[in-house]
């Protein structure tokens, strides 16, 4: 009897943990030039033009330069040890920063 109930309990438990939608937090992203989700023809990010910034020190003043050069409507700075969401956003530029403040990678998504 217990052997038959175990799969039902397992499925019920996993269903309770499932998310019904995506979560958006204000600390996750910064939006420049309007929201990328509401525009019908949102341009996609291209990180290639900003690769020359890898190795440079990151500063808040770089935000607009990086986002406009990469054609990104959103920019997310990821520091060591920070938790990040894994959803793909084709209009977002991710700036990965090392503990010394230098930019280690620039990727879209």
C-alpha atoms as a PDB file:
ATOM      1  CA  UNK A   1       0.000   0.000   0.000  1.00  0.00           C
ATOM      2  CA  UNK A   2       2.768   2.432   0.923  1.00  0.00           C
ATOM      3  CA  UNK A   3       4.586   1.582  -2.295  1.00  0.00           C
ATOM      4  CA  UNK A   4       1.564   2.798  -4.308  1.00  0.00           C
ATOM      5  CA  UNK A   5       1.164   6.026  -2.325  1.00  0.00           C
ATOM      6  CA  UNK A   6       4.811   7.074  -2.501  1.00  0.00           C
ATOM      7  CA  UNK A   7       4.705   8.296  -6.158  1.00  0.00           C
ATOM      8  CA  UNK A   8       1.508  10.249  -5.481  1.00  0.00           C
ATOM      9  CA  UNK A   9       3.038  11.953  -2.451  1.00  0.00           C
ATOM     10  CA  UNK A  10       6.225  12.676  -4.373  1.00  0.00           C
ATOM     11  CA  UNK A  11       4.370  14.280  -7.301  1.00  0.00           C
ATOM     12  CA  UNK A  12       2.183  16.303  -4.926  1.00  0.00           C
ATOM     13  CA  UNK A  13       5.265  17.572  -3.105  1.00  0.00           C
ATOM     14  CA  UNK A  14       7.067  18.538  -6.290  1.00  0.00           C
ATOM     15  CA  UNK A  15       3.983  20.281  -7.654  1.00  0.00           C
ATOM     16  CA  UNK A  16       3.786  22.402  -4.519  1.00  0.00           C
ATOM     17  CA  UNK A  17       7.357  23.575  -5.101  1.00  0.00           C
ATOM     18  CA  UNK A  18       6.818  24.503  -8.749  1.00  0.00           C
ATOM     19  CA  UNK A  19       6.694  28.180  -9.679  1.00  0.00           C
ATOM     20  CA  UNK A  20       3.621  29.354 -11.547  1.00  0.00           C
ATOM     21  CA  UNK A  21       5.413  32.247 -13.271  1.00  0.00           C
ATOM     22  CA  UNK A  22       8.617  34.220 -13.501  1.00  0.00           C
ATOM     23  CA  UNK A  23       9.777  36.461 -10.721  1.00  0.00           C
ATOM     24  CA  UNK A  24      11.175  39.916 -11.327  1.00  0.00           C
ATOM     25  CA  UNK A  25      13.040  41.835  -8.677  1.00  0.00           C
ATOM     26  CA  UNK A  26      14.091  45.439  -8.823  1.00  0.00           C
ATOM     27  CA  UNK A  27      17.592  44.592  -7.571  1.00  0.00           C
ATOM     28  CA  UNK A  28      18.061  42.133 -10.436  1.00  0.00           C
ATOM     29  CA  UNK A  29      18.238  44.538 -13.354  1.00  0.00           C
ATOM     30  CA  UNK A  30      18.464  48.177 -14.262  1.00  0.00           C
ATOM     31  CA  UNK A  31      16.530  49.394 -17.272  1.00  0.00           C
ATOM     32  CA  UNK A  32      17.784  52.033 -19.668  1.00  0.00           C
ATOM     33  CA  UNK A  33      15.736  53.639 -22.417  1.00  0.00           C
ATOM     34  CA  UNK A  34      12.414  52.060 -21.464  1.00  0.00           C
ATOM     35  CA  UNK A  35      11.445  48.510 -20.736  1.00  0.00           C
ATOM     36  CA  UNK A  36      12.627  45.877 -23.164  1.00  0.00           C
ATOM     37  CA  UNK A  37       9.649  43.638 -22.485  1.00  0.00           C
ATOM     38  CA  UNK A  38       7.015  46.147 -23.555  1.00  0.00           C
ATOM     39  CA  UNK A  39       8.527  47.140 -26.873  1.00  0.00           C
ATOM     40  CA  UNK A  40       7.407  44.995 -29.772  1.00  0.00           C
ATOM     41  CA  UNK A  41      10.690  45.241 -31.677  1.00  0.00           C
ATOM     42  CA  UNK A  42      13.255  45.122 -28.900  1.00  0.00           C
ATOM     43  CA  UNK A  43      16.809  45.143 -30.209  1.00  0.00           C
ATOM     44  CA  UNK A  44      19.035  42.314 -29.094  1.00  0.00           C
ATOM     45  CA  UNK A  45      22.190  42.852 -27.127  1.00  0.00           C
ATOM     46  CA  UNK A  46      25.585  42.522 -28.827  1.00  0.00           C
ATOM     47  CA  UNK A  47      28.476  42.233 -26.357  1.00  0.00           C
ATOM     48  CA  UNK A  48      31.189  42.199 -29.028  1.00  0.00           C
ATOM     49  CA  UNK A  49      31.653  46.023 -29.221  1.00  0.00           C
ATOM     50  CA  UNK A  50      32.320  46.288 -25.461  1.00  0.00           C
ATOM     51  CA  UNK A  51      34.834  43.442 -25.095  1.00  0.00           C
ATOM     52  CA  UNK A  52      37.654  46.003 -24.949  1.00  0.00           C
ATOM     53  CA  UNK A  53      36.392  46.931 -21.451  1.00  0.00           C
ATOM     54  CA  UNK A  54      37.309  43.500 -20.028  1.00  0.00           C
ATOM     55  CA  UNK A  55      40.093  44.006 -17.487  1.00  0.00           C
ATOM     56  CA  UNK A  56      39.137  47.631 -16.804  1.00  0.00           C
ATOM     57  CA  UNK A  57      37.858  48.766 -13.395  1.00  0.00           C
ATOM     58  CA  UNK A  58      34.063  48.845 -13.219  1.00  0.00           C
ATOM     59  CA  UNK A  59      32.352  52.068 -12.185  1.00  0.00           C
ATOM     60  CA  UNK A  60      28.729  53.227 -12.189  1.00  0.00           C
ATOM     61  CA  UNK A  61      29.637  55.830 -14.825  1.00  0.00           C
ATOM     62  CA  UNK A  62      30.286  52.992 -17.314  1.00  0.00           C
ATOM     63  CA  UNK A  63      26.655  51.791 -17.182  1.00  0.00           C
ATOM     64  CA  UNK A  64      25.271  54.046 -19.915  1.00  0.00           C
ATOM     65  CA  UNK A  65      28.355  53.636 -22.105  1.00  0.00           C
ATOM     66  CA  UNK A  66      28.279  49.856 -21.880  1.00  0.00           C
ATOM     67  CA  UNK A  67      24.529  49.545 -22.435  1.00  0.00           C
ATOM     68  CA  UNK A  68      24.468  51.905 -25.410  1.00  0.00           C
ATOM     69  CA  UNK A  69      27.553  50.378 -27.051  1.00  0.00           C
ATOM     70  CA  UNK A  70      26.145  46.864 -26.633  1.00  0.00           C
ATOM     71  CA  UNK A  71      22.658  47.947 -27.752  1.00  0.00           C
ATOM     72  CA  UNK A  72      21.274  46.657 -24.430  1.00  0.00           C
ATOM     73  CA  UNK A  73      18.132  47.974 -22.766  1.00  0.00           C
ATOM     74  CA  UNK A  74      19.026  46.365 -19.432  1.00  0.00           C
ATOM     75  CA  UNK A  75      22.296  45.988 -17.570  1.00  0.00           C
ATOM     76  CA  UNK A  76      23.060  43.633 -14.682  1.00  0.00           C
ATOM     77  CA  UNK A  77      26.251  43.769 -12.619  1.00  0.00           C
ATOM     78  CA  UNK A  78      27.247  40.422 -11.094  1.00  0.00           C
ATOM     79  CA  UNK A  79      29.776  40.501  -8.269  1.00  0.00           C
ATOM     80  CA  UNK A  80      31.536  37.501  -6.684  1.00  0.00           C
ATOM     81  CA  UNK A  81      29.245  35.450  -4.470  1.00  0.00           C
ATOM     82  CA  UNK A  82      26.037  37.089  -5.688  1.00  0.00           C
ATOM     83  CA  UNK A  83      23.087  34.946  -6.613  1.00  0.00           C
ATOM     84  CA  UNK A  84      21.781  35.440 -10.131  1.00  0.00           C
ATOM     85  CA  UNK A  85      18.698  34.296 -11.943  1.00  0.00           C
ATOM     86  CA  UNK A  86      19.143  32.039 -14.947  1.00  0.00           C
ATOM     87  CA  UNK A  87      16.416  33.385 -17.236  1.00  0.00           C
ATOM     88  CA  UNK A  88      17.658  34.495 -20.625  1.00  0.00           C
ATOM     89  CA  UNK A  89      16.956  38.087 -21.626  1.00  0.00           C
ATOM     90  CA  UNK A  90      18.232  38.927 -25.133  1.00  0.00           C
ATOM     91  CA  UNK A  91      18.220  42.671 -24.388  1.00  0.00           C
ATOM     92  CA  UNK A  92      20.323  42.494 -21.187  1.00  0.00           C
ATOM     93  CA  UNK A  93      24.076  42.951 -20.817  1.00  0.00           C
ATOM     94  CA  UNK A  94      25.643  41.078 -17.881  1.00  0.00           C
ATOM     95  CA  UNK A  95      28.768  42.700 -16.447  1.00  0.00           C
ATOM     96  CA  UNK A  96      30.733  40.140 -14.428  1.00  0.00           C
ATOM     97  CA  UNK A  97      33.027  41.880 -11.924  1.00  0.00           C
ATOM     98  CA  UNK A  98      35.925  40.354  -9.963  1.00  0.00           C
ATOM     99  CA  UNK A  99      36.518  40.998  -6.250  1.00  0.00           C
ATOM    100  CA  UNK A 100      39.137  43.653  -7.105  1.00  0.00           C
ATOM    101  CA  UNK A 101      36.534  45.604  -9.108  1.00  0.00           C
ATOM    102  CA  UNK A 102      37.806  44.709 -12.559  1.00  0.00           C
ATOM    103  CA  UNK A 103      35.473  43.502 -15.299  1.00  0.00           C
ATOM    104  CA  UNK A 104      36.146  39.839 -16.025  1.00  0.00           C
ATOM    105  CA  UNK A 105      33.433  39.260 -18.657  1.00  0.00           C
ATOM    106  CA  UNK A 106      30.678  40.984 -20.599  1.00  0.00           C
ATOM    107  CA  UNK A 107      27.893  38.733 -21.874  1.00  0.00           C
ATOM    108  CA  UNK A 108      24.415  39.214 -23.227  1.00  0.00           C
ATOM    109  CA  UNK A 109      21.497  37.361 -21.749  1.00  0.00           C
END
